[in-house]
Structure formats: C-alpha cells, structure tokens
C-alpha cells in the first residue's frame, strides 16, 4: 500500500491563508506569548489556565488564536508567527523528521487506560458485525488516511491479525460520517466526540472497539510545542507556560462540572450535549516514553522513515 506523506510544501499551501491572516510582528517581550490552539476540547488545559488566571499569576500575557488542525499550525510556528502551538504527536514527529527543530513543552490530552474514551471509537450499525474480523473487506470511514486516527485504527486491526490491505478505508470528515453509516453506505466509521455521542443517541449503533485504548492506553495524544530556538531564548517563559497549563489540566481532571461548562463555551458545543459528551483526560507531564511508543507505531506503519530521539525533545521543568 502506498503511503501518502505530507511535505513542507503541502503544509505551507494548506496554511497559506492562515499565515497570510497573521500579521508580522516585531520581537515580543518574554512575558507575551502567541499561542495557537485547536478549537476542540483538547485545548482546555490552556483555556482553563487563562480563565482561572494561572498565566497572569505567572506574569504571562497569552494571545490565543485557533486553527482547525496541527498540520496548518506547523508552518506558522516555523515562520515565527506563533510562539507555541498545540499539536498532535503524529504531526509533531513527522514535522521533526522533515526538519522542524521543535521542543515539547507541556502535556494536553492523553488516552484513558480503559474504554470508553473521548478518542476514536469504531462504530457499526447494531447487528451488522460481531467482531473486527467481520469487517474484513468492508468499507470503513476514517477522517484522513495516514492521520493519527488512521494509525491507531490500523494498529487495532493489526493486533487482531487483520492487515490494513484487507480493509477498505474511505475518507470522510468526522462531521459527515454519521449519516453514511446509518444509511448503510459504509459499514463502519472511526468516530470522535461530539459526533460519537450524537450517533450513540440514535440507538442504532454500537462500538466494536476504542482503537487508542486498545493499541496504546495512556498515550500522549497532543502536546504544546515551540521552536527549540524560542525555548532557549525564552526558557523562563516556556517553563511558566508549561506549569500554568499543567495547573489547568489538573483542574480539568478534578472538576468535571466546571470543565464541561468551559468546554461548551470554548468549543461552541450544542448545550444539550454538555453533560453527555466525554471530556478528554489530560496529562500532567509530557510522557516521553508514550511519545516514543507512538513513534514506534508510526515506523511500523510507514508514517516515519527513521527513529527520532524523543527524550531530547521534551523540556525539563526542573
């Protein structure tokens, strides 16, 4: 199976509009940080840190903007038009392989040890499949082939002795997946929140498995990253940022009611789903060993060509 790989040229083209919309700025004081976050619940550690004043207490002024995907953010970071971005492990490692000199600063979402989880669930119509083997040769929708969701889906089937060559993956964006499954146009989907909760609410589907949980429980899914040169120049601000995010993450994990309300406000989630969707679990440190495990999985399925020294990429807070 040919592996399609994103290139810097592709990323730059995808991010062209976003980059054009960010005005060039003179060198900023260390206390001001330009942060690009995802418009999803994975960003709640930083969002809560802002809302609760943790950044302000640390002497940091955060200028937050949003972009819909890490692949679009990477060229913006590389160009110096952002100081820190929230990226997923797969995109970060691919970018490092292709020349991005980045440091992982602070944790974000991590996989739960047991299902259910806010990460991808393999959903089928009730009564159409009893096991993963029933999906051999069937049509399975994933958001993007060679994405993080694809990687863990392929990994889950592989654990059950099913090669990716035995599967028929089709690309459908998460928001558009539910109807084709319910209408029988496809046989299974890899779905995430909040669309997973909406789909389960129909009573017509069931989950055959949670791919991240089965393949790599406790995996680091997303982290806040910065250029290594920026970290060296602004070490104090980088450490303060990481500690404030960790405070926000701890609050997110310990106060579900408050986190759900903030999630609705930040993601613009339909308020009727506020208490139904599953909120991510947040890490309290960048787990280099889990990032390494993801790297090994990427090597196995062709998303990386060579190993990366992960340990040298994780910022130490002490």
C-alpha atoms as a PDB file:
ATOM      1  CA  UNK A   1       0.000   0.000   0.000  1.00  0.00           C
ATOM      2  CA  UNK A   2       1.476   3.396  -0.965  1.00  0.00           C
ATOM      3  CA  UNK A   3       1.887   5.767   1.938  1.00  0.00           C
ATOM      4  CA  UNK A   4       0.998   9.342   1.167  1.00  0.00           C
ATOM      5  CA  UNK A   5       3.152  11.714   3.173  1.00  0.00           C
ATOM      6  CA  UNK A   6       2.601  15.372   3.853  1.00  0.00           C
ATOM      7  CA  UNK A   7       5.501  17.569   2.739  1.00  0.00           C
ATOM      8  CA  UNK A   8       6.525  21.026   3.867  1.00  0.00           C
ATOM      9  CA  UNK A   9       5.261  22.331   0.537  1.00  0.00           C
ATOM     10  CA  UNK A  10       1.887  20.738   1.158  1.00  0.00           C
ATOM     11  CA  UNK A  11       1.695  22.112   4.663  1.00  0.00           C
ATOM     12  CA  UNK A  12       2.673  25.567   3.510  1.00  0.00           C
ATOM     13  CA  UNK A  13      -0.039  25.506   0.848  1.00  0.00           C
ATOM     14  CA  UNK A  14      -2.645  24.337   3.361  1.00  0.00           C
ATOM     15  CA  UNK A  15      -1.619  27.021   5.814  1.00  0.00           C
ATOM     16  CA  UNK A  16      -1.194  29.803   3.279  1.00  0.00           C
ATOM     17  CA  UNK A  17      -4.436  31.557   4.092  1.00  0.00           C
ATOM     18  CA  UNK A  18      -3.910  31.245   7.812  1.00  0.00           C
ATOM     19  CA  UNK A  19      -0.350  32.572   7.595  1.00  0.00           C
ATOM     20  CA  UNK A  20      -1.446  35.484   5.435  1.00  0.00           C
ATOM     21  CA  UNK A  21      -4.012  36.392   8.073  1.00  0.00           C
ATOM     22  CA  UNK A  22      -1.425  36.658  10.843  1.00  0.00           C
ATOM     23  CA  UNK A  23       0.340  39.979  10.679  1.00  0.00           C
ATOM     24  CA  UNK A  24       4.099  40.074  11.053  1.00  0.00           C
ATOM     25  CA  UNK A  25       5.113  41.485  14.379  1.00  0.00           C
ATOM     26  CA  UNK A  26       8.305  42.810  15.957  1.00  0.00           C
ATOM     27  CA  UNK A  27      10.105  40.785  18.596  1.00  0.00           C
ATOM     28  CA  UNK A  28       7.837  40.309  21.584  1.00  0.00           C
ATOM     29  CA  UNK A  29       8.673  40.571  25.245  1.00  0.00           C
ATOM     30  CA  UNK A  30       9.196  37.279  27.004  1.00  0.00           C
ATOM     31  CA  UNK A  31       6.012  37.782  29.016  1.00  0.00           C
ATOM     32  CA  UNK A  32       3.814  37.808  25.888  1.00  0.00           C
ATOM     33  CA  UNK A  33       3.198  34.502  24.138  1.00  0.00           C
ATOM     34  CA  UNK A  34       1.400  33.970  20.839  1.00  0.00           C
ATOM     35  CA  UNK A  35      -0.420  30.655  21.195  1.00  0.00           C
ATOM     36  CA  UNK A  36      -2.372  28.784  18.529  1.00  0.00           C
ATOM     37  CA  UNK A  37      -4.835  26.251  19.920  1.00  0.00           C
ATOM     38  CA  UNK A  38      -7.195  23.728  18.429  1.00  0.00           C
ATOM     39  CA  UNK A  39     -10.895  24.717  18.590  1.00  0.00           C
ATOM     40  CA  UNK A  40     -11.614  21.448  20.395  1.00  0.00           C
ATOM     41  CA  UNK A  41     -11.679  20.192  23.962  1.00  0.00           C
ATOM     42  CA  UNK A  42      -8.018  19.095  23.771  1.00  0.00           C
ATOM     43  CA  UNK A  43      -7.150  22.782  24.312  1.00  0.00           C
ATOM     44  CA  UNK A  44      -8.925  23.043  27.662  1.00  0.00           C
ATOM     45  CA  UNK A  45      -5.748  22.902  29.758  1.00  0.00           C
ATOM     46  CA  UNK A  46      -4.613  26.249  28.346  1.00  0.00           C
ATOM     47  CA  UNK A  47      -8.152  27.637  28.177  1.00  0.00           C
ATOM     48  CA  UNK A  48      -8.704  26.942  31.874  1.00  0.00           C
ATOM     49  CA  UNK A  49      -5.286  28.380  32.711  1.00  0.00           C
ATOM     50  CA  UNK A  50      -6.373  31.604  31.011  1.00  0.00           C
ATOM     51  CA  UNK A  51      -9.820  31.630  32.588  1.00  0.00           C
ATOM     52  CA  UNK A  52      -8.505  30.955  36.090  1.00  0.00           C
ATOM     53  CA  UNK A  53      -5.700  33.497  35.798  1.00  0.00           C
ATOM     54  CA  UNK A  54      -2.844  30.988  36.040  1.00  0.00           C
ATOM     55  CA  UNK A  55      -0.941  32.590  33.167  1.00  0.00           C
ATOM     56  CA  UNK A  56      -1.446  36.047  34.623  1.00  0.00           C
ATOM     57  CA  UNK A  57      -0.172  34.887  38.018  1.00  0.00           C
ATOM     58  CA  UNK A  58       2.954  33.644  36.256  1.00  0.00           C
ATOM     59  CA  UNK A  59       3.488  37.008  34.594  1.00  0.00           C
ATOM     60  CA  UNK A  60       2.471  35.803  31.144  1.00  0.00           C
ATOM     61  CA  UNK A  61       0.197  37.507  28.639  1.00  0.00           C
ATOM     62  CA  UNK A  62      -1.323  34.927  26.273  1.00  0.00           C
ATOM     63  CA  UNK A  63      -2.583  35.919  22.840  1.00  0.00           C
ATOM     64  CA  UNK A  64      -4.623  32.885  21.766  1.00  0.00           C
ATOM     65  CA  UNK A  65      -5.899  32.169  18.267  1.00  0.00           C
ATOM     66  CA  UNK A  66      -7.413  28.978  16.855  1.00  0.00           C
ATOM     67  CA  UNK A  67      -6.729  26.837  13.810  1.00  0.00           C
ATOM     68  CA  UNK A  68      -8.600  23.626  12.908  1.00  0.00           C
ATOM     69  CA  UNK A  69      -5.597  21.323  12.565  1.00  0.00           C
ATOM     70  CA  UNK A  70      -1.987  20.914  13.682  1.00  0.00           C
ATOM     71  CA  UNK A  71      -0.746  20.445  10.107  1.00  0.00           C
ATOM     72  CA  UNK A  72      -1.827  24.019   9.363  1.00  0.00           C
ATOM     73  CA  UNK A  73      -0.168  25.346  12.516  1.00  0.00           C
ATOM     74  CA  UNK A  74       3.295  23.888  11.929  1.00  0.00           C
ATOM     75  CA  UNK A  75       4.271  26.269   9.072  1.00  0.00           C
ATOM     76  CA  UNK A  76       3.007  29.207  11.137  1.00  0.00           C
ATOM     77  CA  UNK A  77       5.251  28.145  14.019  1.00  0.00           C
ATOM     78  CA  UNK A  78       8.167  27.581  11.647  1.00  0.00           C
ATOM     79  CA  UNK A  79       7.716  31.048  10.153  1.00  0.00           C
ATOM     80  CA  UNK A  80       7.940  32.686  13.588  1.00  0.00           C
ATOM     81  CA  UNK A  81       4.374  33.994  13.520  1.00  0.00           C
ATOM     82  CA  UNK A  82       3.457  31.966  16.605  1.00  0.00           C
ATOM     83  CA  UNK A  83       5.460  31.079  19.692  1.00  0.00           C
ATOM     84  CA  UNK A  84       3.618  27.938  20.834  1.00  0.00           C
ATOM     85  CA  UNK A  85       1.094  25.648  19.129  1.00  0.00           C
ATOM     86  CA  UNK A  86      -0.999  22.699  20.257  1.00  0.00           C
ATOM     87  CA  UNK A  87      -0.009  19.794  18.027  1.00  0.00           C
ATOM     88  CA  UNK A  88      -0.689  16.071  17.931  1.00  0.00           C
ATOM     89  CA  UNK A  89       2.133  13.577  18.388  1.00  0.00           C
ATOM     90  CA  UNK A  90       1.987  12.220  14.845  1.00  0.00           C
ATOM     91  CA  UNK A  91       2.133  15.619  13.164  1.00  0.00           C
ATOM     92  CA  UNK A  92       4.892  16.783  15.508  1.00  0.00           C
ATOM     93  CA  UNK A  93       7.103  13.766  14.857  1.00  0.00           C
ATOM     94  CA  UNK A  94       6.569  13.970  11.101  1.00  0.00           C
ATOM     95  CA  UNK A  95       7.464  17.666  11.175  1.00  0.00           C
ATOM     96  CA  UNK A  96      10.622  16.972  13.194  1.00  0.00           C
ATOM     97  CA  UNK A  97      11.631  14.298  10.695  1.00  0.00           C
ATOM     98  CA  UNK A  98      11.224  16.845   7.910  1.00  0.00           C
ATOM     99  CA  UNK A  99      13.372  19.468   9.615  1.00  0.00           C
ATOM    100  CA  UNK A 100      11.319  21.233  12.308  1.00  0.00           C
ATOM    101  CA  UNK A 101      13.535  21.806  15.362  1.00  0.00           C
ATOM    102  CA  UNK A 102      10.791  21.636  17.985  1.00  0.00           C
ATOM    103  CA  UNK A 103      10.570  21.054  21.720  1.00  0.00           C
ATOM    104  CA  UNK A 104       7.580  19.507  23.517  1.00  0.00           C
ATOM    105  CA  UNK A 105       6.709  21.913  26.333  1.00  0.00           C
ATOM    106  CA  UNK A 106       3.539  20.819  28.066  1.00  0.00           C
ATOM    107  CA  UNK A 107       1.002  17.995  28.030  1.00  0.00           C
ATOM    108  CA  UNK A 108      -2.518  18.015  26.691  1.00  0.00           C
ATOM    109  CA  UNK A 109      -4.921  15.112  26.076  1.00  0.00           C
ATOM    110  CA  UNK A 110      -3.956  11.546  26.937  1.00  0.00           C
ATOM    111  CA  UNK A 111      -5.712   8.233  26.309  1.00  0.00           C
ATOM    112  CA  UNK A 112      -7.622   6.615  29.149  1.00  0.00           C
ATOM    113  CA  UNK A 113      -6.492   3.222  30.406  1.00  0.00           C
ATOM    114  CA  UNK A 114      -9.940   1.716  29.789  1.00  0.00           C
ATOM    115  CA  UNK A 115     -12.817   2.326  27.393  1.00  0.00           C
ATOM    116  CA  UNK A 116     -14.919   4.292  26.819  1.00  0.00           C
ATOM    117  CA  UNK A 117     -12.741   7.249  25.932  1.00  0.00           C
ATOM    118  CA  UNK A 118     -13.081  10.555  24.120  1.00  0.00           C
ATOM    119  CA  UNK A 119     -10.739   9.215  21.431  1.00  0.00           C
ATOM    120  CA  UNK A 120     -11.788   7.326  18.299  1.00  0.00           C
ATOM    121  CA  UNK A 121     -14.399   4.579  18.556  1.00  0.00           C
ATOM    122  CA  UNK A 122     -15.064   2.066  15.794  1.00  0.00           C
ATOM    123  CA  UNK A 123     -18.832   2.300  15.283  1.00  0.00           C
ATOM    124  CA  UNK A 124     -21.115  -0.085  13.370  1.00  0.00           C
ATOM    125  CA  UNK A 125     -24.859  -0.442  12.940  1.00  0.00           C
ATOM    126  CA  UNK A 126     -26.282  -2.824  15.501  1.00  0.00           C
ATOM    127  CA  UNK A 127     -26.323  -6.424  14.357  1.00  0.00           C
ATOM    128  CA  UNK A 128     -24.045  -5.910  11.359  1.00  0.00           C
ATOM    129  CA  UNK A 129     -20.740  -7.027  12.908  1.00  0.00           C
ATOM    130  CA  UNK A 130     -19.831  -9.022  15.998  1.00  0.00           C
ATOM    131  CA  UNK A 131     -16.056  -8.675  15.783  1.00  0.00           C
ATOM    132  CA  UNK A 132     -13.335  -6.863  13.863  1.00  0.00           C
ATOM    133  CA  UNK A 133     -12.964  -9.875  11.570  1.00  0.00           C
ATOM    134  CA  UNK A 134     -16.493  -9.244  10.297  1.00  0.00           C
ATOM    135  CA  UNK A 135     -15.178  -6.009   8.771  1.00  0.00           C
ATOM    136  CA  UNK A 136     -12.566  -7.612   6.527  1.00  0.00           C
ATOM    137  CA  UNK A 137     -13.153  -6.286   3.011  1.00  0.00           C
ATOM    138  CA  UNK A 138     -15.778  -3.823   4.259  1.00  0.00           C
ATOM    139  CA  UNK A 139     -15.861  -0.036   3.875  1.00  0.00           C
ATOM    140  CA  UNK A 140     -14.520   1.825   6.910  1.00  0.00           C
ATOM    141  CA  UNK A 141     -14.607   5.617   7.075  1.00  0.00           C
ATOM    142  CA  UNK A 142     -11.708   7.494   8.647  1.00  0.00           C
ATOM    143  CA  UNK A 143     -11.226  11.266   8.678  1.00  0.00           C
ATOM    144  CA  UNK A 144      -7.899  11.208   6.800  1.00  0.00           C
ATOM    145  CA  UNK A 145      -5.853   8.217   5.676  1.00  0.00           C
ATOM    146  CA  UNK A 146      -2.408   8.334   7.352  1.00  0.00           C
ATOM    147  CA  UNK A 147      -3.776  10.534  10.131  1.00  0.00           C
ATOM    148  CA  UNK A 148      -3.483   9.793  13.841  1.00  0.00           C
ATOM    149  CA  UNK A 149      -6.960   8.242  13.840  1.00  0.00           C
ATOM    150  CA  UNK A 150      -5.997   6.042  10.879  1.00  0.00           C
ATOM    151  CA  UNK A 151      -2.756   4.961  12.580  1.00  0.00           C
ATOM    152  CA  UNK A 152      -4.481   3.690  15.703  1.00  0.00           C
ATOM    153  CA  UNK A 153      -7.319   2.108  13.729  1.00  0.00           C
ATOM    154  CA  UNK A 154      -4.821   0.170  11.618  1.00  0.00           C
ATOM    155  CA  UNK A 155      -2.953  -0.732  14.798  1.00  0.00           C
ATOM    156  CA  UNK A 156      -6.087  -2.128  16.412  1.00  0.00           C
ATOM    157  CA  UNK A 157      -6.917  -4.332  13.417  1.00  0.00           C
ATOM    158  CA  UNK A 158      -3.292  -5.449  13.265  1.00  0.00           C
ATOM    159  CA  UNK A 159      -3.482  -6.627  16.892  1.00  0.00           C
ATOM    160  CA  UNK A 160      -6.325  -8.893  15.801  1.00  0.00           C
ATOM    161  CA  UNK A 161      -4.345 -10.313  12.891  1.00  0.00           C
ATOM    162  CA  UNK A 162      -6.026  -8.182  10.220  1.00  0.00           C
ATOM    163  CA  UNK A 163      -3.775  -6.391   7.751  1.00  0.00           C
ATOM    164  CA  UNK A 164      -4.613  -2.895   6.519  1.00  0.00           C
ATOM    165  CA  UNK A 165      -4.581  -4.389   2.997  1.00  0.00           C
ATOM    166  CA  UNK A 166      -7.664  -6.397   3.988  1.00  0.00           C
ATOM    167  CA  UNK A 167      -9.611  -3.210   4.775  1.00  0.00           C
ATOM    168  CA  UNK A 168     -11.294  -0.641   2.529  1.00  0.00           C
ATOM    169  CA  UNK A 169     -10.662   2.766   4.081  1.00  0.00           C
ATOM    170  CA  UNK A 170     -12.535   5.770   2.736  1.00  0.00           C
ATOM    171  CA  UNK A 171     -12.026   9.372   3.799  1.00  0.00           C
ATOM    172  CA  UNK A 172     -14.986  11.250   5.273  1.00  0.00           C
ATOM    173  CA  UNK A 173     -14.682  14.227   7.680  1.00  0.00           C
ATOM    174  CA  UNK A 174     -15.884  13.489  11.212  1.00  0.00           C
ATOM    175  CA  UNK A 175     -18.951  15.784  10.988  1.00  0.00           C
ATOM    176  CA  UNK A 176     -20.182  13.994   7.851  1.00  0.00           C
ATOM    177  CA  UNK A 177     -19.618  10.364   8.908  1.00  0.00           C
ATOM    178  CA  UNK A 178     -22.783   9.539  10.819  1.00  0.00           C
ATOM    179  CA  UNK A 179     -25.372   9.653   8.048  1.00  0.00           C
ATOM    180  CA  UNK A 180     -23.491   7.372   5.611  1.00  0.00           C
ATOM    181  CA  UNK A 181     -23.166   4.785   8.391  1.00  0.00           C
ATOM    182  CA  UNK A 182     -26.834   4.983   9.358  1.00  0.00           C
ATOM    183  CA  UNK A 183     -27.861   4.822   5.680  1.00  0.00           C
ATOM    184  CA  UNK A 184     -25.731   1.746   5.004  1.00  0.00           C
ATOM    185  CA  UNK A 185     -23.445   3.498   2.517  1.00  0.00           C
ATOM    186  CA  UNK A 186     -20.439   2.446   4.606  1.00  0.00           C
ATOM    187  CA  UNK A 187     -20.014  -0.404   7.059  1.00  0.00           C
ATOM    188  CA  UNK A 188     -18.107   1.199   9.939  1.00  0.00           C
ATOM    189  CA  UNK A 189     -16.659   4.549  10.992  1.00  0.00           C
ATOM    190  CA  UNK A 190     -13.933   5.760  13.301  1.00  0.00           C
ATOM    191  CA  UNK A 191     -15.784   8.497  15.150  1.00  0.00           C
ATOM    192  CA  UNK A 192     -14.851  11.054  17.835  1.00  0.00           C
ATOM    193  CA  UNK A 193     -16.669  13.416  20.178  1.00  0.00           C
ATOM    194  CA  UNK A 194     -19.106  15.099  19.978  1.00  0.00           C
ATOM    195  CA  UNK A 195     -20.309  13.250  16.866  1.00  0.00           C
ATOM    196  CA  UNK A 196     -19.900   9.897  18.611  1.00  0.00           C
ATOM    197  CA  UNK A 197     -22.334  10.917  21.346  1.00  0.00           C
ATOM    198  CA  UNK A 198     -24.845  12.167  18.756  1.00  0.00           C
ATOM    199  CA  UNK A 199     -24.578   8.873  16.890  1.00  0.00           C
ATOM    200  CA  UNK A 200     -24.983   6.744  20.015  1.00  0.00           C
ATOM    201  CA  UNK A 201     -28.083   8.781  20.810  1.00  0.00           C
ATOM    202  CA  UNK A 202     -29.860   7.273  17.816  1.00  0.00           C
ATOM    203  CA  UNK A 203     -29.842   3.848  19.498  1.00  0.00           C
ATOM    204  CA  UNK A 204     -28.951   2.279  16.154  1.00  0.00           C
ATOM    205  CA  UNK A 205     -25.214   1.776  16.567  1.00  0.00           C
ATOM    206  CA  UNK A 206     -22.658   0.213  18.858  1.00  0.00           C
ATOM    207  CA  UNK A 207     -18.904   0.441  19.411  1.00  0.00           C
ATOM    208  CA  UNK A 208     -16.769  -2.534  18.412  1.00  0.00           C
ATOM    209  CA  UNK A 209     -13.682  -1.035  19.985  1.00  0.00           C
ATOM    210  CA  UNK A 210     -11.765   2.064  21.021  1.00  0.00           C
ATOM    211  CA  UNK A 211      -8.621   1.986  18.919  1.00  0.00           C
ATOM    212  CA  UNK A 212      -6.386   4.258  21.006  1.00  0.00           C
ATOM    213  CA  UNK A 213      -7.305   2.494  24.243  1.00  0.00           C
ATOM    214  CA  UNK A 214      -6.667  -0.935  22.768  1.00  0.00           C
ATOM    215  CA  UNK A 215      -3.426  -0.082  20.985  1.00  0.00           C
ATOM    216  CA  UNK A 216      -1.793   2.355  23.413  1.00  0.00           C
ATOM    217  CA  UNK A 217      -3.603   3.125  26.678  1.00  0.00           C
ATOM    218  CA  UNK A 218      -2.189   6.234  28.385  1.00  0.00           C
ATOM    219  CA  UNK A 219      -0.713   7.505  25.100  1.00  0.00           C
ATOM    220  CA  UNK A 220       0.112  11.184  24.784  1.00  0.00           C
ATOM    221  CA  UNK A 221      -2.181  12.419  22.010  1.00  0.00           C
ATOM    222  CA  UNK A 222      -1.399  16.141  21.927  1.00  0.00           C
ATOM    223  CA  UNK A 223       1.235  18.466  23.348  1.00  0.00           C
ATOM    224  CA  UNK A 224       2.111  22.156  23.286  1.00  0.00           C
ATOM    225  CA  UNK A 225       5.267  22.638  21.229  1.00  0.00           C
ATOM    226  CA  UNK A 226       7.624  25.502  20.356  1.00  0.00           C
ATOM    227  CA  UNK A 227      10.719  26.008  18.271  1.00  0.00           C
ATOM    228  CA  UNK A 228      13.782  24.889  20.211  1.00  0.00           C
ATOM    229  CA  UNK A 229      15.447  28.229  19.470  1.00  0.00           C
ATOM    230  CA  UNK A 230      12.490  30.048  21.070  1.00  0.00           C
ATOM    231  CA  UNK A 231      12.667  27.825  24.152  1.00  0.00           C
ATOM    232  CA  UNK A 232      16.383  28.517  24.567  1.00  0.00           C
ATOM    233  CA  UNK A 233      15.814  32.259  24.283  1.00  0.00           C
ATOM    234  CA  UNK A 234      12.695  32.317  26.485  1.00  0.00           C
ATOM    235  CA  UNK A 235      13.349  29.457  28.899  1.00  0.00           C
ATOM    236  CA  UNK A 236      11.699  31.154  31.890  1.00  0.00           C
ATOM    237  CA  UNK A 237       8.514  31.952  29.947  1.00  0.00           C
ATOM    238  CA  UNK A 238       8.397  28.436  28.492  1.00  0.00           C
ATOM    239  CA  UNK A 239       8.594  26.822  31.934  1.00  0.00           C
ATOM    240  CA  UNK A 240       5.988  29.197  33.372  1.00  0.00           C
ATOM    241  CA  UNK A 241       3.687  28.426  30.439  1.00  0.00           C
ATOM    242  CA  UNK A 242       4.048  24.676  30.955  1.00  0.00           C
ATOM    243  CA  UNK A 243       3.365  24.893  34.683  1.00  0.00           C
ATOM    244  CA  UNK A 244       0.269  27.039  34.147  1.00  0.00           C
ATOM    245  CA  UNK A 245      -1.095  24.578  31.561  1.00  0.00           C
ATOM    246  CA  UNK A 246      -0.484  21.696  33.959  1.00  0.00           C
ATOM    247  CA  UNK A 247      -2.463  23.555  36.643  1.00  0.00           C
ATOM    248  CA  UNK A 248      -5.281  23.972  34.125  1.00  0.00           C
ATOM    249  CA  UNK A 249      -5.120  20.289  33.211  1.00  0.00           C
ATOM    250  CA  UNK A 250      -5.291  19.201  36.843  1.00  0.00           C
ATOM    251  CA  UNK A 251      -8.376  21.353  37.367  1.00  0.00           C
ATOM    252  CA  UNK A 252      -9.956  19.901  34.218  1.00  0.00           C
ATOM    253  CA  UNK A 253      -9.408  16.373  35.554  1.00  0.00           C
ATOM    254  CA  UNK A 254     -10.724  17.152  39.036  1.00  0.00           C
ATOM    255  CA  UNK A 255     -13.718  19.420  38.379  1.00  0.00           C
ATOM    256  CA  UNK A 256     -15.871  17.838  35.682  1.00  0.00           C
ATOM    257  CA  UNK A 257     -18.852  20.161  36.072  1.00  0.00           C
ATOM    258  CA  UNK A 258     -16.796  23.331  35.603  1.00  0.00           C
ATOM    259  CA  UNK A 259     -14.820  21.762  32.755  1.00  0.00           C
ATOM    260  CA  UNK A 260     -17.991  20.807  30.909  1.00  0.00           C
ATOM    261  CA  UNK A 261     -19.285  24.363  31.099  1.00  0.00           C
ATOM    262  CA  UNK A 262     -15.988  25.792  29.847  1.00  0.00           C
ATOM    263  CA  UNK A 263     -15.977  23.193  27.081  1.00  0.00           C
ATOM    264  CA  UNK A 264     -19.376  24.382  25.842  1.00  0.00           C
ATOM    265  CA  UNK A 265     -18.223  27.997  25.844  1.00  0.00           C
ATOM    266  CA  UNK A 266     -14.880  27.359  24.140  1.00  0.00           C
ATOM    267  CA  UNK A 267     -15.884  24.763  21.530  1.00  0.00           C
ATOM    268  CA  UNK A 268     -19.382  26.187  20.967  1.00  0.00           C
ATOM    269  CA  UNK A 269     -20.793  22.749  21.648  1.00  0.00           C
ATOM    270  CA  UNK A 270     -24.562  22.381  21.489  1.00  0.00           C
ATOM    271  CA  UNK A 271     -25.594  22.962  25.129  1.00  0.00           C
ATOM    272  CA  UNK A 272     -27.860  19.896  25.004  1.00  0.00           C
ATOM    273  CA  UNK A 273     -24.683  17.792  24.747  1.00  0.00           C
ATOM    274  CA  UNK A 274     -22.871  19.489  27.634  1.00  0.00           C
ATOM    275  CA  UNK A 275     -23.314  16.636  30.096  1.00  0.00           C
ATOM    276  CA  UNK A 276     -23.298  13.817  27.531  1.00  0.00           C
ATOM    277  CA  UNK A 277     -20.026  14.095  25.619  1.00  0.00           C
ATOM    278  CA  UNK A 278     -16.890  12.608  27.096  1.00  0.00           C
ATOM    279  CA  UNK A 279     -14.261  15.148  28.077  1.00  0.00           C
ATOM    280  CA  UNK A 280     -10.627  14.221  27.368  1.00  0.00           C
ATOM    281  CA  UNK A 281      -8.349  13.067  30.126  1.00  0.00           C
ATOM    282  CA  UNK A 282      -5.431  15.495  30.493  1.00  0.00           C
ATOM    283  CA  UNK A 283      -1.819  14.684  31.238  1.00  0.00           C
ATOM    284  CA  UNK A 284       0.233  16.386  33.934  1.00  0.00           C
ATOM    285  CA  UNK A 285       3.577  15.960  32.156  1.00  0.00           C
ATOM    286  CA  UNK A 286       4.799  15.211  28.651  1.00  0.00           C
ATOM    287  CA  UNK A 287       5.309  11.459  28.769  1.00  0.00           C
ATOM    288  CA  UNK A 288       8.363  10.878  26.618  1.00  0.00           C
ATOM    289  CA  UNK A 289       8.019   7.106  26.817  1.00  0.00           C
ATOM    290  CA  UNK A 290       4.489   7.229  25.420  1.00  0.00           C
ATOM    291  CA  UNK A 291       5.609   9.576  22.642  1.00  0.00           C
ATOM    292  CA  UNK A 292       8.338   7.044  21.839  1.00  0.00           C
ATOM    293  CA  UNK A 293       5.730   4.253  21.626  1.00  0.00           C
ATOM    294  CA  UNK A 294       3.745   6.316  19.139  1.00  0.00           C
ATOM    295  CA  UNK A 295       6.931   6.838  17.142  1.00  0.00           C
ATOM    296  CA  UNK A 296       7.449   3.067  17.013  1.00  0.00           C
ATOM    297  CA  UNK A 297       3.893   2.606  15.761  1.00  0.00           C
ATOM    298  CA  UNK A 298       4.473   5.233  13.079  1.00  0.00           C
ATOM    299  CA  UNK A 299       7.633   3.458  11.953  1.00  0.00           C
ATOM    300  CA  UNK A 300       5.766   0.160  11.771  1.00  0.00           C
ATOM    301  CA  UNK A 301       3.028   1.522   9.528  1.00  0.00           C
ATOM    302  CA  UNK A 302       5.123   3.827   7.379  1.00  0.00           C
ATOM    303  CA  UNK A 303       4.360   7.265   8.803  1.00  0.00           C
ATOM    304  CA  UNK A 304       8.033   7.800   9.681  1.00  0.00           C
ATOM    305  CA  UNK A 305      11.152   6.684   7.853  1.00  0.00           C
ATOM    306  CA  UNK A 306      13.624   6.704  10.737  1.00  0.00           C
ATOM    307  CA  UNK A 307      13.589   6.904  14.552  1.00  0.00           C
ATOM    308  CA  UNK A 308      13.646  10.213  16.401  1.00  0.00           C
ATOM    309  CA  UNK A 309      15.391  10.827  19.720  1.00  0.00           C
ATOM    310  CA  UNK A 310      12.264  11.751  21.647  1.00  0.00           C
ATOM    311  CA  UNK A 311      13.964  12.184  25.025  1.00  0.00           C
ATOM    312  CA  UNK A 312      15.982  15.144  23.743  1.00  0.00           C
ATOM    313  CA  UNK A 313      12.785  16.864  22.573  1.00  0.00           C
ATOM    314  CA  UNK A 314      10.938  17.027  25.909  1.00  0.00           C
ATOM    315  CA  UNK A 315      11.530  20.156  28.008  1.00  0.00           C
ATOM    316  CA  UNK A 316      12.504  19.510  31.627  1.00  0.00           C
ATOM    317  CA  UNK A 317      10.690  21.681  34.140  1.00  0.00           C
ATOM    318  CA  UNK A 318      13.302  21.459  36.914  1.00  0.00           C
END
